[in-house]
Amino acid sequence: FEEFLTDMYLPREVENLESIVSTIAR
């Protein structure tokens, strides 16, 4: 995950990343 540090994040961004990780790591 590139450039995870920024000055403008997505709504519920952490949840979205965790969702992708859990999809891959079933």
mmCIF file of all heavy atoms, coordinates in Angstrom:
data_MODEL
# 
_entry.id   MODEL 
# 
loop_
_atom_site.group_PDB 
_atom_site.id 
_atom_site.type_symbol 
_atom_site.label_atom_id 
_atom_site.label_alt_id 
_atom_site.label_comp_id 
_atom_site.label_asym_id 
_atom_site.label_entity_id 
_atom_site.label_seq_id 
_atom_site.pdbx_PDB_ins_code 
_atom_site.Cartn_x 
_atom_site.Cartn_y 
_atom_site.Cartn_z 
_atom_site.occupancy 
_atom_site.B_iso_or_equiv 
_atom_site.pdbx_formal_charge 
_atom_site.auth_seq_id 
_atom_site.auth_comp_id 
_atom_site.auth_asym_id 
_atom_site.auth_atom_id 
_atom_site.pdbx_PDB_model_num 
ATOM 1   N N   . PHE A 1 1  ? 0.871   -1.182  0.000  1.00 0.00 ? 1  PHE A N   1 
ATOM 2   C CA  . PHE A 1 1  ? 0.000   0.000   0.000  1.00 0.00 ? 1  PHE A CA  1 
ATOM 3   C C   . PHE A 1 1  ? 0.902   1.225   0.000  1.00 0.00 ? 1  PHE A C   1 
ATOM 4   O O   . PHE A 1 1  ? 1.522   1.549   0.999  1.00 0.00 ? 1  PHE A O   1 
ATOM 5   C CB  . PHE A 1 1  ? -0.917  -0.023  1.223  1.00 0.00 ? 1  PHE A CB  1 
ATOM 6   C CG  . PHE A 1 1  ? -1.852  1.163   1.330  1.00 0.00 ? 1  PHE A CG  1 
ATOM 7   C CD1 . PHE A 1 1  ? -2.134  1.976   0.236  1.00 0.00 ? 1  PHE A CD1 1 
ATOM 8   C CD2 . PHE A 1 1  ? -2.456  1.485   2.531  1.00 0.00 ? 1  PHE A CD2 1 
ATOM 9   C CE1 . PHE A 1 1  ? -2.990  3.057   0.325  1.00 0.00 ? 1  PHE A CE1 1 
ATOM 10  C CE2 . PHE A 1 1  ? -3.324  2.560   2.646  1.00 0.00 ? 1  PHE A CE2 1 
ATOM 11  C CZ  . PHE A 1 1  ? -3.588  3.344   1.543  1.00 0.00 ? 1  PHE A CZ  1 
ATOM 12  N N   . GLU A 1 2  ? 0.975   1.895   -1.135 1.00 0.00 ? 2  GLU A N   1 
ATOM 13  C CA  . GLU A 1 2  ? 1.848   3.054   -1.293 1.00 0.00 ? 2  GLU A CA  1 
ATOM 14  C C   . GLU A 1 2  ? 1.159   4.344   -0.834 1.00 0.00 ? 2  GLU A C   1 
ATOM 15  O O   . GLU A 1 2  ? -0.036  4.517   -1.015 1.00 0.00 ? 2  GLU A O   1 
ATOM 16  C CB  . GLU A 1 2  ? 2.282   3.205   -2.745 1.00 0.00 ? 2  GLU A CB  1 
ATOM 17  C CG  . GLU A 1 2  ? 3.505   2.390   -3.122 1.00 0.00 ? 2  GLU A CG  1 
ATOM 18  C CD  . GLU A 1 2  ? 4.795   2.964   -2.562 1.00 0.00 ? 2  GLU A CD  1 
ATOM 19  O OE1 . GLU A 1 2  ? 4.770   4.052   -1.955 1.00 0.00 ? 2  GLU A OE1 1 
ATOM 20  O OE2 . GLU A 1 2  ? 5.837   2.308   -2.753 1.00 0.00 ? 2  GLU A OE2 1 
ATOM 21  N N   . GLU A 1 3  ? 1.974   5.239   -0.250 1.00 0.00 ? 3  GLU A N   1 
ATOM 22  C CA  . GLU A 1 3  ? 1.551   6.578   0.166  1.00 0.00 ? 3  GLU A CA  1 
ATOM 23  C C   . GLU A 1 3  ? 0.340   6.505   1.096  1.00 0.00 ? 3  GLU A C   1 
ATOM 24  O O   . GLU A 1 3  ? -0.652  7.210   0.916  1.00 0.00 ? 3  GLU A O   1 
ATOM 25  C CB  . GLU A 1 3  ? 1.258   7.449   -1.064 1.00 0.00 ? 3  GLU A CB  1 
ATOM 26  C CG  . GLU A 1 3  ? 2.500   7.676   -1.928 1.00 0.00 ? 3  GLU A CG  1 
ATOM 27  C CD  . GLU A 1 3  ? 2.246   8.638   -3.084 1.00 0.00 ? 3  GLU A CD  1 
ATOM 28  O OE1 . GLU A 1 3  ? 1.225   9.333   -3.058 1.00 0.00 ? 3  GLU A OE1 1 
ATOM 29  O OE2 . GLU A 1 3  ? 3.089   8.683   -3.998 1.00 0.00 ? 3  GLU A OE2 1 
ATOM 30  N N   . PHE A 1 4  ? 0.449   5.652   2.111  1.00 0.00 ? 4  PHE A N   1 
ATOM 31  C CA  . PHE A 1 4  ? -0.663  5.532   3.050  1.00 0.00 ? 4  PHE A CA  1 
ATOM 32  C C   . PHE A 1 4  ? -0.762  6.766   3.949  1.00 0.00 ? 4  PHE A C   1 
ATOM 33  O O   . PHE A 1 4  ? -1.820  7.030   4.527  1.00 0.00 ? 4  PHE A O   1 
ATOM 34  C CB  . PHE A 1 4  ? -0.543  4.248   3.880  1.00 0.00 ? 4  PHE A CB  1 
ATOM 35  C CG  . PHE A 1 4  ? 0.331   4.357   5.104  1.00 0.00 ? 4  PHE A CG  1 
ATOM 36  C CD1 . PHE A 1 4  ? -0.228  4.648   6.344  1.00 0.00 ? 4  PHE A CD1 1 
ATOM 37  C CD2 . PHE A 1 4  ? 1.700   4.150   5.029  1.00 0.00 ? 4  PHE A CD2 1 
ATOM 38  C CE1 . PHE A 1 4  ? 0.562   4.748   7.480  1.00 0.00 ? 4  PHE A CE1 1 
ATOM 39  C CE2 . PHE A 1 4  ? 2.503   4.239   6.155  1.00 0.00 ? 4  PHE A CE2 1 
ATOM 40  C CZ  . PHE A 1 4  ? 1.923   4.540   7.391  1.00 0.00 ? 4  PHE A CZ  1 
ATOM 41  N N   . LEU A 1 5  ? 0.327   7.517   4.075  1.00 0.00 ? 5  LEU A N   1 
ATOM 42  C CA  . LEU A 1 5  ? 0.281   8.776   4.809  1.00 0.00 ? 5  LEU A CA  1 
ATOM 43  C C   . LEU A 1 5  ? -0.036  9.909   3.840  1.00 0.00 ? 5  LEU A C   1 
ATOM 44  O O   . LEU A 1 5  ? 0.614   10.056  2.808  1.00 0.00 ? 5  LEU A O   1 
ATOM 45  C CB  . LEU A 1 5  ? 1.623   9.055   5.495  1.00 0.00 ? 5  LEU A CB  1 
ATOM 46  C CG  . LEU A 1 5  ? 1.978   8.201   6.703  1.00 0.00 ? 5  LEU A CG  1 
ATOM 47  C CD1 . LEU A 1 5  ? 3.383   8.519   7.182  1.00 0.00 ? 5  LEU A CD1 1 
ATOM 48  C CD2 . LEU A 1 5  ? 0.982   8.423   7.832  1.00 0.00 ? 5  LEU A CD2 1 
ATOM 49  N N   . THR A 1 6  ? -1.036  10.711  4.169  1.00 0.00 ? 6  THR A N   1 
ATOM 50  C CA  . THR A 1 6  ? -1.431  11.819  3.316  1.00 0.00 ? 6  THR A CA  1 
ATOM 51  C C   . THR A 1 6  ? -2.057  12.889  4.195  1.00 0.00 ? 6  THR A C   1 
ATOM 52  O O   . THR A 1 6  ? -2.098  12.757  5.415  1.00 0.00 ? 6  THR A O   1 
ATOM 53  C CB  . THR A 1 6  ? -2.427  11.331  2.231  1.00 0.00 ? 6  THR A CB  1 
ATOM 54  O OG1 . THR A 1 6  ? -2.762  12.412  1.373  1.00 0.00 ? 6  THR A OG1 1 
ATOM 55  C CG2 . THR A 1 6  ? -3.691  10.772  2.853  1.00 0.00 ? 6  THR A CG2 1 
ATOM 56  N N   . ASP A 1 7  ? -2.538  13.945  3.580  1.00 0.00 ? 7  ASP A N   1 
ATOM 57  C CA  . ASP A 1 7  ? -3.254  14.966  4.348  1.00 0.00 ? 7  ASP A CA  1 
ATOM 58  C C   . ASP A 1 7  ? -4.744  14.956  4.044  1.00 0.00 ? 7  ASP A C   1 
ATOM 59  O O   . ASP A 1 7  ? -5.481  15.827  4.480  1.00 0.00 ? 7  ASP A O   1 
ATOM 60  C CB  . ASP A 1 7  ? -2.672  16.358  4.077  1.00 0.00 ? 7  ASP A CB  1 
ATOM 61  C CG  . ASP A 1 7  ? -2.572  16.665  2.592  1.00 0.00 ? 7  ASP A CG  1 
ATOM 62  O OD1 . ASP A 1 7  ? -3.104  15.877  1.780  1.00 0.00 ? 7  ASP A OD1 1 
ATOM 63  O OD2 . ASP A 1 7  ? -1.966  17.688  2.240  1.00 0.00 ? 7  ASP A OD2 1 
ATOM 64  N N   . MET A 1 8  ? -5.202  13.935  3.294  1.00 0.00 ? 8  MET A N   1 
ATOM 65  C CA  . MET A 1 8  ? -6.625  13.819  2.985  1.00 0.00 ? 8  MET A CA  1 
ATOM 66  C C   . MET A 1 8  ? -6.972  12.333  2.821  1.00 0.00 ? 8  MET A C   1 
ATOM 67  O O   . MET A 1 8  ? -6.566  11.695  1.849  1.00 0.00 ? 8  MET A O   1 
ATOM 68  C CB  . MET A 1 8  ? -6.968  14.578  1.701  1.00 0.00 ? 8  MET A CB  1 
ATOM 69  C CG  . MET A 1 8  ? -8.457  14.620  1.408  1.00 0.00 ? 8  MET A CG  1 
ATOM 70  S SD  . MET A 1 8  ? -9.397  15.474  2.686  1.00 0.00 ? 8  MET A SD  1 
ATOM 71  C CE  . MET A 1 8  ? -8.810  17.170  2.445  1.00 0.00 ? 8  MET A CE  1 
ATOM 72  N N   . TYR A 1 9  ? -7.709  11.780  3.785  1.00 0.00 ? 9  TYR A N   1 
ATOM 73  C CA  . TYR A 1 9  ? -8.046  10.363  3.786  1.00 0.00 ? 9  TYR A CA  1 
ATOM 74  C C   . TYR A 1 9  ? -9.476  10.139  3.310  1.00 0.00 ? 9  TYR A C   1 
ATOM 75  O O   . TYR A 1 9  ? -10.321 11.037  3.352  1.00 0.00 ? 9  TYR A O   1 
ATOM 76  C CB  . TYR A 1 9  ? -7.857  9.776   5.185  1.00 0.00 ? 9  TYR A CB  1 
ATOM 77  C CG  . TYR A 1 9  ? -6.421  9.769   5.635  1.00 0.00 ? 9  TYR A CG  1 
ATOM 78  C CD1 . TYR A 1 9  ? -5.888  10.863  6.328  1.00 0.00 ? 9  TYR A CD1 1 
ATOM 79  C CD2 . TYR A 1 9  ? -5.581  8.701   5.349  1.00 0.00 ? 9  TYR A CD2 1 
ATOM 80  C CE1 . TYR A 1 9  ? -4.557  10.872  6.726  1.00 0.00 ? 9  TYR A CE1 1 
ATOM 81  C CE2 . TYR A 1 9  ? -4.256  8.711   5.738  1.00 0.00 ? 9  TYR A CE2 1 
ATOM 82  C CZ  . TYR A 1 9  ? -3.741  9.795   6.424  1.00 0.00 ? 9  TYR A CZ  1 
ATOM 83  O OH  . TYR A 1 9  ? -2.431  9.810   6.812  1.00 0.00 ? 9  TYR A OH  1 
ATOM 84  N N   . LEU A 1 10 ? -9.747  8.909   2.880  1.00 0.00 ? 10 LEU A N   1 
ATOM 85  C CA  . LEU A 1 10 ? -11.087 8.532   2.457  1.00 0.00 ? 10 LEU A CA  1 
ATOM 86  C C   . LEU A 1 10 ? -11.984 8.323   3.670  1.00 0.00 ? 10 LEU A C   1 
ATOM 87  O O   . LEU A 1 10 ? -11.498 7.963   4.750  1.00 0.00 ? 10 LEU A O   1 
ATOM 88  C CB  . LEU A 1 10 ? -11.041 7.227   1.656  1.00 0.00 ? 10 LEU A CB  1 
ATOM 89  C CG  . LEU A 1 10 ? -10.216 7.200   0.377  1.00 0.00 ? 10 LEU A CG  1 
ATOM 90  C CD1 . LEU A 1 10 ? -10.155 5.776   -0.163 1.00 0.00 ? 10 LEU A CD1 1 
ATOM 91  C CD2 . LEU A 1 10 ? -10.808 8.130   -0.666 1.00 0.00 ? 10 LEU A CD2 1 
ATOM 92  N N   . PRO A 1 11 ? -13.280 8.510   3.515  1.00 0.00 ? 11 PRO A N   1 
ATOM 93  C CA  . PRO A 1 11 ? -14.191 8.106   4.596  1.00 0.00 ? 11 PRO A CA  1 
ATOM 94  C C   . PRO A 1 11 ? -14.067 6.603   4.834  1.00 0.00 ? 11 PRO A C   1 
ATOM 95  O O   . PRO A 1 11 ? -14.025 5.821   3.883  1.00 0.00 ? 11 PRO A O   1 
ATOM 96  C CB  . PRO A 1 11 ? -15.579 8.477   4.045  1.00 0.00 ? 11 PRO A CB  1 
ATOM 97  C CG  . PRO A 1 11 ? -15.328 9.484   2.972  1.00 0.00 ? 11 PRO A CG  1 
ATOM 98  C CD  . PRO A 1 11 ? -13.994 9.134   2.386  1.00 0.00 ? 11 PRO A CD  1 
ATOM 99  N N   . ARG A 1 12 ? -13.971 6.203   6.085  1.00 0.00 ? 12 ARG A N   1 
ATOM 100 C CA  . ARG A 1 12 ? -13.874 4.788   6.469  1.00 0.00 ? 12 ARG A CA  1 
ATOM 101 C C   . ARG A 1 12 ? -12.706 4.091   5.761  1.00 0.00 ? 12 ARG A C   1 
ATOM 102 O O   . ARG A 1 12 ? -12.781 2.915   5.380  1.00 0.00 ? 12 ARG A O   1 
ATOM 103 C CB  . ARG A 1 12 ? -15.186 4.071   6.159  1.00 0.00 ? 12 ARG A CB  1 
ATOM 104 C CG  . ARG A 1 12 ? -16.397 4.717   6.815  1.00 0.00 ? 12 ARG A CG  1 
ATOM 105 C CD  . ARG A 1 12 ? -17.694 4.068   6.427  1.00 0.00 ? 12 ARG A CD  1 
ATOM 106 N NE  . ARG A 1 12 ? -17.815 2.735   7.018  1.00 0.00 ? 12 ARG A NE  1 
ATOM 107 C CZ  . ARG A 1 12 ? -18.896 1.971   6.888  1.00 0.00 ? 12 ARG A CZ  1 
ATOM 108 N NH1 . ARG A 1 12 ? -19.934 2.414   6.185  1.00 0.00 ? 12 ARG A NH1 1 
ATOM 109 N NH2 . ARG A 1 12 ? -18.938 0.784   7.441  1.00 0.00 ? 12 ARG A NH2 1 
ATOM 110 N N   . GLU A 1 13 ? -11.605 4.802   5.602  1.00 0.00 ? 13 GLU A N   1 
ATOM 111 C CA  . GLU A 1 13 ? -10.471 4.255   4.853  1.00 0.00 ? 13 GLU A CA  1 
ATOM 112 C C   . GLU A 1 13 ? -9.873  3.021   5.507  1.00 0.00 ? 13 GLU A C   1 
ATOM 113 O O   . GLU A 1 13 ? -9.557  2.026   4.835  1.00 0.00 ? 13 GLU A O   1 
ATOM 114 C CB  . GLU A 1 13 ? -9.385  5.320   4.672  1.00 0.00 ? 13 GLU A CB  1 
ATOM 115 C CG  . GLU A 1 13 ? -8.149  4.777   3.974  1.00 0.00 ? 13 GLU A CG  1 
ATOM 116 C CD  . GLU A 1 13 ? -7.178  5.839   3.534  1.00 0.00 ? 13 GLU A CD  1 
ATOM 117 O OE1 . GLU A 1 13 ? -7.609  6.907   3.065  1.00 0.00 ? 13 GLU A OE1 1 
ATOM 118 O OE2 . GLU A 1 13 ? -5.965  5.595   3.657  1.00 0.00 ? 13 GLU A OE2 1 
ATOM 119 N N   . VAL A 1 14 ? -9.678  3.068   6.821  1.00 0.00 ? 14 VAL A N   1 
ATOM 120 C CA  . VAL A 1 14 ? -9.067  1.925   7.515  1.00 0.00 ? 14 VAL A CA  1 
ATOM 121 C C   . VAL A 1 14 ? -9.934  0.682   7.339  1.00 0.00 ? 14 VAL A C   1 
ATOM 122 O O   . VAL A 1 14 ? -9.422  -0.422  7.096  1.00 0.00 ? 14 VAL A O   1 
ATOM 123 C CB  . VAL A 1 14 ? -8.875  2.245   9.010  1.00 0.00 ? 14 VAL A CB  1 
ATOM 124 C CG1 . VAL A 1 14 ? -8.248  1.054   9.724  1.00 0.00 ? 14 VAL A CG1 1 
ATOM 125 C CG2 . VAL A 1 14 ? -7.996  3.479   9.190  1.00 0.00 ? 14 VAL A CG2 1 
ATOM 126 N N   . GLU A 1 15 ? -11.225 0.865   7.437  1.00 0.00 ? 15 GLU A N   1 
ATOM 127 C CA  . GLU A 1 15 ? -12.156 -0.256  7.255  1.00 0.00 ? 15 GLU A CA  1 
ATOM 128 C C   . GLU A 1 15 ? -12.055 -0.825  5.843  1.00 0.00 ? 15 GLU A C   1 
ATOM 129 O O   . GLU A 1 15 ? -12.118 -2.049  5.640  1.00 0.00 ? 15 GLU A O   1 
ATOM 130 C CB  . GLU A 1 15 ? -13.582 0.209   7.531  1.00 0.00 ? 15 GLU A CB  1 
ATOM 131 C CG  . GLU A 1 15 ? -14.627 -0.887  7.458  1.00 0.00 ? 15 GLU A CG  1 
ATOM 132 C CD  . GLU A 1 15 ? -16.016 -0.389  7.774  1.00 0.00 ? 15 GLU A CD  1 
ATOM 133 O OE1 . GLU A 1 15 ? -16.136 0.549   8.605  1.00 0.00 ? 15 GLU A OE1 1 
ATOM 134 O OE2 . GLU A 1 15 ? -16.985 -0.920  7.212  1.00 0.00 ? 15 GLU A OE2 1 
ATOM 135 N N   . ASN A 1 16 ? -11.886 0.042   4.848  1.00 0.00 ? 16 ASN A N   1 
ATOM 136 C CA  . ASN A 1 16 ? -11.757 -0.417  3.463  1.00 0.00 ? 16 ASN A CA  1 
ATOM 137 C C   . ASN A 1 16 ? -10.489 -1.240  3.265  1.00 0.00 ? 16 ASN A C   1 
ATOM 138 O O   . ASN A 1 16 ? -10.507 -2.269  2.572  1.00 0.00 ? 16 ASN A O   1 
ATOM 139 C CB  . ASN A 1 16 ? -11.756 0.772   2.508  1.00 0.00 ? 16 ASN A CB  1 
ATOM 140 C CG  . ASN A 1 16 ? -13.130 1.393   2.343  1.00 0.00 ? 16 ASN A CG  1 
ATOM 141 O OD1 . ASN A 1 16 ? -14.116 0.874   2.832  1.00 0.00 ? 16 ASN A OD1 1 
ATOM 142 N ND2 . ASN A 1 16 ? -13.190 2.529   1.673  1.00 0.00 ? 16 ASN A ND2 1 
ATOM 143 N N   . LEU A 1 17 ? -9.379  -0.788  3.842  1.00 0.00 ? 17 LEU A N   1 
ATOM 144 C CA  . LEU A 1 17 ? -8.147  -1.551  3.718  1.00 0.00 ? 17 LEU A CA  1 
ATOM 145 C C   . LEU A 1 17 ? -8.289  -2.903  4.402  1.00 0.00 ? 17 LEU A C   1 
ATOM 146 O O   . LEU A 1 17 ? -7.888  -3.941  3.847  1.00 0.00 ? 17 LEU A O   1 
ATOM 147 C CB  . LEU A 1 17 ? -6.970  -0.777  4.331  1.00 0.00 ? 17 LEU A CB  1 
ATOM 148 C CG  . LEU A 1 17 ? -5.637  -1.541  4.330  1.00 0.00 ? 17 LEU A CG  1 
ATOM 149 C CD1 . LEU A 1 17 ? -5.165  -1.805  2.904  1.00 0.00 ? 17 LEU A CD1 1 
ATOM 150 C CD2 . LEU A 1 17 ? -4.572  -0.788  5.102  1.00 0.00 ? 17 LEU A CD2 1 
ATOM 151 N N   . GLU A 1 18 ? -8.852  -2.916  5.600  1.00 0.00 ? 18 GLU A N   1 
ATOM 152 C CA  . GLU A 1 18 ? -9.026  -4.172  6.322  1.00 0.00 ? 18 GLU A CA  1 
ATOM 153 C C   . GLU A 1 18 ? -9.944  -5.119  5.553  1.00 0.00 ? 18 GLU A C   1 
ATOM 154 O O   . GLU A 1 18 ? -9.758  -6.343  5.584  1.00 0.00 ? 18 GLU A O   1 
ATOM 155 C CB  . GLU A 1 18 ? -9.580  -3.901  7.714  1.00 0.00 ? 18 GLU A CB  1 
ATOM 156 C CG  . GLU A 1 18 ? -8.583  -3.205  8.641  1.00 0.00 ? 18 GLU A CG  1 
ATOM 157 C CD  . GLU A 1 18 ? -9.168  -2.882  9.998  1.00 0.00 ? 18 GLU A CD  1 
ATOM 158 O OE1 . GLU A 1 18 ? -10.389 -3.084  10.179 1.00 0.00 ? 18 GLU A OE1 1 
ATOM 159 O OE2 . GLU A 1 18 ? -8.418  -2.426  10.886 1.00 0.00 ? 18 GLU A OE2 1 
ATOM 160 N N   . SER A 1 19 ? -10.924 -4.566  4.829  1.00 0.00 ? 19 SER A N   1 
ATOM 161 C CA  . SER A 1 19 ? -11.816 -5.393  4.023  1.00 0.00 ? 19 SER A CA  1 
ATOM 162 C C   . SER A 1 19 ? -11.061 -6.084  2.889  1.00 0.00 ? 19 SER A C   1 
ATOM 163 O O   . SER A 1 19 ? -11.250 -7.280  2.629  1.00 0.00 ? 19 SER A O   1 
ATOM 164 C CB  . SER A 1 19 ? -12.947 -4.533  3.454  1.00 0.00 ? 19 SER A CB  1 
ATOM 165 O OG  . SER A 1 19 ? -13.770 -5.285  2.570  1.00 0.00 ? 19 SER A OG  1 
ATOM 166 N N   . ILE A 1 20 ? -10.170 -5.334  2.230  1.00 0.00 ? 20 ILE A N   1 
ATOM 167 C CA  . ILE A 1 20 ? -9.376  -5.922  1.144  1.00 0.00 ? 20 ILE A CA  1 
ATOM 168 C C   . ILE A 1 20 ? -8.430  -6.986  1.691  1.00 0.00 ? 20 ILE A C   1 
ATOM 169 O O   . ILE A 1 20 ? -8.284  -8.073  1.111  1.00 0.00 ? 20 ILE A O   1 
ATOM 170 C CB  . ILE A 1 20 ? -8.595  -4.821  0.401  1.00 0.00 ? 20 ILE A CB  1 
ATOM 171 C CG1 . ILE A 1 20 ? -9.569  -3.920  -0.376 1.00 0.00 ? 20 ILE A CG1 1 
ATOM 172 C CG2 . ILE A 1 20 ? -7.570  -5.436  -0.557 1.00 0.00 ? 20 ILE A CG2 1 
ATOM 173 C CD1 . ILE A 1 20 ? -8.913  -2.742  -1.058 1.00 0.00 ? 20 ILE A CD1 1 
ATOM 174 N N   . VAL A 1 21 ? -7.799  -6.693  2.815  1.00 0.00 ? 21 VAL A N   1 
ATOM 175 C CA  . VAL A 1 21 ? -6.884  -7.668  3.420  1.00 0.00 ? 21 VAL A CA  1 
ATOM 176 C C   . VAL A 1 21 ? -7.628  -8.947  3.784  1.00 0.00 ? 21 VAL A C   1 
ATOM 177 O O   . VAL A 1 21 ? -7.162  -10.059 3.515  1.00 0.00 ? 21 VAL A O   1 
ATOM 178 C CB  . VAL A 1 21 ? -6.193  -7.069  4.662  1.00 0.00 ? 21 VAL A CB  1 
ATOM 179 C CG1 . VAL A 1 21 ? -5.366  -8.139  5.378  1.00 0.00 ? 21 VAL A CG1 1 
ATOM 180 C CG2 . VAL A 1 21 ? -5.298  -5.899  4.269  1.00 0.00 ? 21 VAL A CG2 1 
ATOM 181 N N   . SER A 1 22 ? -8.801  -8.813  4.393  1.00 0.00 ? 22 SER A N   1 
ATOM 182 C CA  . SER A 1 22 ? -9.558  -9.997  4.805  1.00 0.00 ? 22 SER A CA  1 
ATOM 183 C C   . SER A 1 22 ? -10.067 -10.779 3.601  1.00 0.00 ? 22 SER A C   1 
ATOM 184 O O   . SER A 1 22 ? -10.199 -12.006 3.657  1.00 0.00 ? 22 SER A O   1 
ATOM 185 C CB  . SER A 1 22 ? -10.722 -9.593  5.705  1.00 0.00 ? 22 SER A CB  1 
ATOM 186 O OG  . SER A 1 22 ? -11.658 -8.797  5.004  1.00 0.00 ? 22 SER A OG  1 
ATOM 187 N N   . THR A 1 23 ? -10.363 -10.091 2.485  1.00 0.00 ? 23 THR A N   1 
ATOM 188 C CA  . THR A 1 23 ? -10.784 -10.780 1.264  1.00 0.00 ? 23 THR A CA  1 
ATOM 189 C C   . THR A 1 23 ? -9.659  -11.640 0.720  1.00 0.00 ? 23 THR A C   1 
ATOM 190 O O   . THR A 1 23 ? -9.874  -12.785 0.291  1.00 0.00 ? 23 THR A O   1 
ATOM 191 C CB  . THR A 1 23 ? -11.220 -9.760  0.189  1.00 0.00 ? 23 THR A CB  1 
ATOM 192 O OG1 . THR A 1 23 ? -12.387 -9.071  0.642  1.00 0.00 ? 23 THR A OG1 1 
ATOM 193 C CG2 . THR A 1 23 ? -11.526 -10.438 -1.131 1.00 0.00 ? 23 THR A CG2 1 
ATOM 194 N N   . ILE A 1 24 ? -8.445  -11.105 0.743  1.00 0.00 ? 24 ILE A N   1 
ATOM 195 C CA  . ILE A 1 24 ? -7.284  -11.839 0.234  1.00 0.00 ? 24 ILE A CA  1 
ATOM 196 C C   . ILE A 1 24 ? -6.874  -12.943 1.202  1.00 0.00 ? 24 ILE A C   1 
ATOM 197 O O   . ILE A 1 24 ? -6.575  -14.068 0.802  1.00 0.00 ? 24 ILE A O   1 
ATOM 198 C CB  . ILE A 1 24 ? -6.108  -10.867 -0.008 1.00 0.00 ? 24 ILE A CB  1 
ATOM 199 C CG1 . ILE A 1 24 ? -6.477  -9.876  -1.120 1.00 0.00 ? 24 ILE A CG1 1 
ATOM 200 C CG2 . ILE A 1 24 ? -4.837  -11.625 -0.369 1.00 0.00 ? 24 ILE A CG2 1 
ATOM 201 C CD1 . ILE A 1 24 ? -5.476  -8.760  -1.292 1.00 0.00 ? 24 ILE A CD1 1 
ATOM 202 N N   . ALA A 1 25 ? -6.883  -12.619 2.491  1.00 0.00 ? 25 ALA A N   1 
ATOM 203 C CA  . ALA A 1 25 ? -6.436  -13.579 3.516  1.00 0.00 ? 25 ALA A CA  1 
ATOM 204 C C   . ALA A 1 25 ? -7.638  -14.254 4.157  1.00 0.00 ? 25 ALA A C   1 
ATOM 205 O O   . ALA A 1 25 ? -7.897  -14.085 5.352  1.00 0.00 ? 25 ALA A O   1 
ATOM 206 C CB  . ALA A 1 25 ? -5.594  -12.852 4.564  1.00 0.00 ? 25 ALA A CB  1 
ATOM 207 N N   . ARG A 1 26 ? -8.366  -15.028 3.372  1.00 0.00 ? 26 ARG A N   1 
ATOM 208 C CA  . ARG A 1 26 ? -9.573  -15.658 3.914  1.00 0.00 ? 26 ARG A CA  1 
ATOM 209 C C   . ARG A 1 26 ? -9.240  -16.718 4.954  1.00 0.00 ? 26 ARG A C   1 
ATOM 210 O O   . ARG A 1 26 ? -9.893  -16.813 5.994  1.00 0.00 ? 26 ARG A O   1 
ATOM 211 C CB  . ARG A 1 26 ? -10.397 -16.272 2.782  1.00 0.00 ? 26 ARG A CB  1 
ATOM 212 C CG  . ARG A 1 26 ? -10.995 -15.233 1.837  1.00 0.00 ? 26 ARG A CG  1 
ATOM 213 C CD  . ARG A 1 26 ? -11.896 -15.881 0.803  1.00 0.00 ? 26 ARG A CD  1 
ATOM 214 N NE  . ARG A 1 26 ? -12.393 -14.898 -0.156 1.00 0.00 ? 26 ARG A NE  1 
ATOM 215 C CZ  . ARG A 1 26 ? -13.462 -14.145 0.027  1.00 0.00 ? 26 ARG A CZ  1 
ATOM 216 N NH1 . ARG A 1 26 ? -14.155 -14.239 1.144  1.00 0.00 ? 26 ARG A NH1 1 
ATOM 217 N NH2 . ARG A 1 26 ? -13.845 -13.294 -0.911 1.00 0.00 ? 26 ARG A NH2 1 
# 
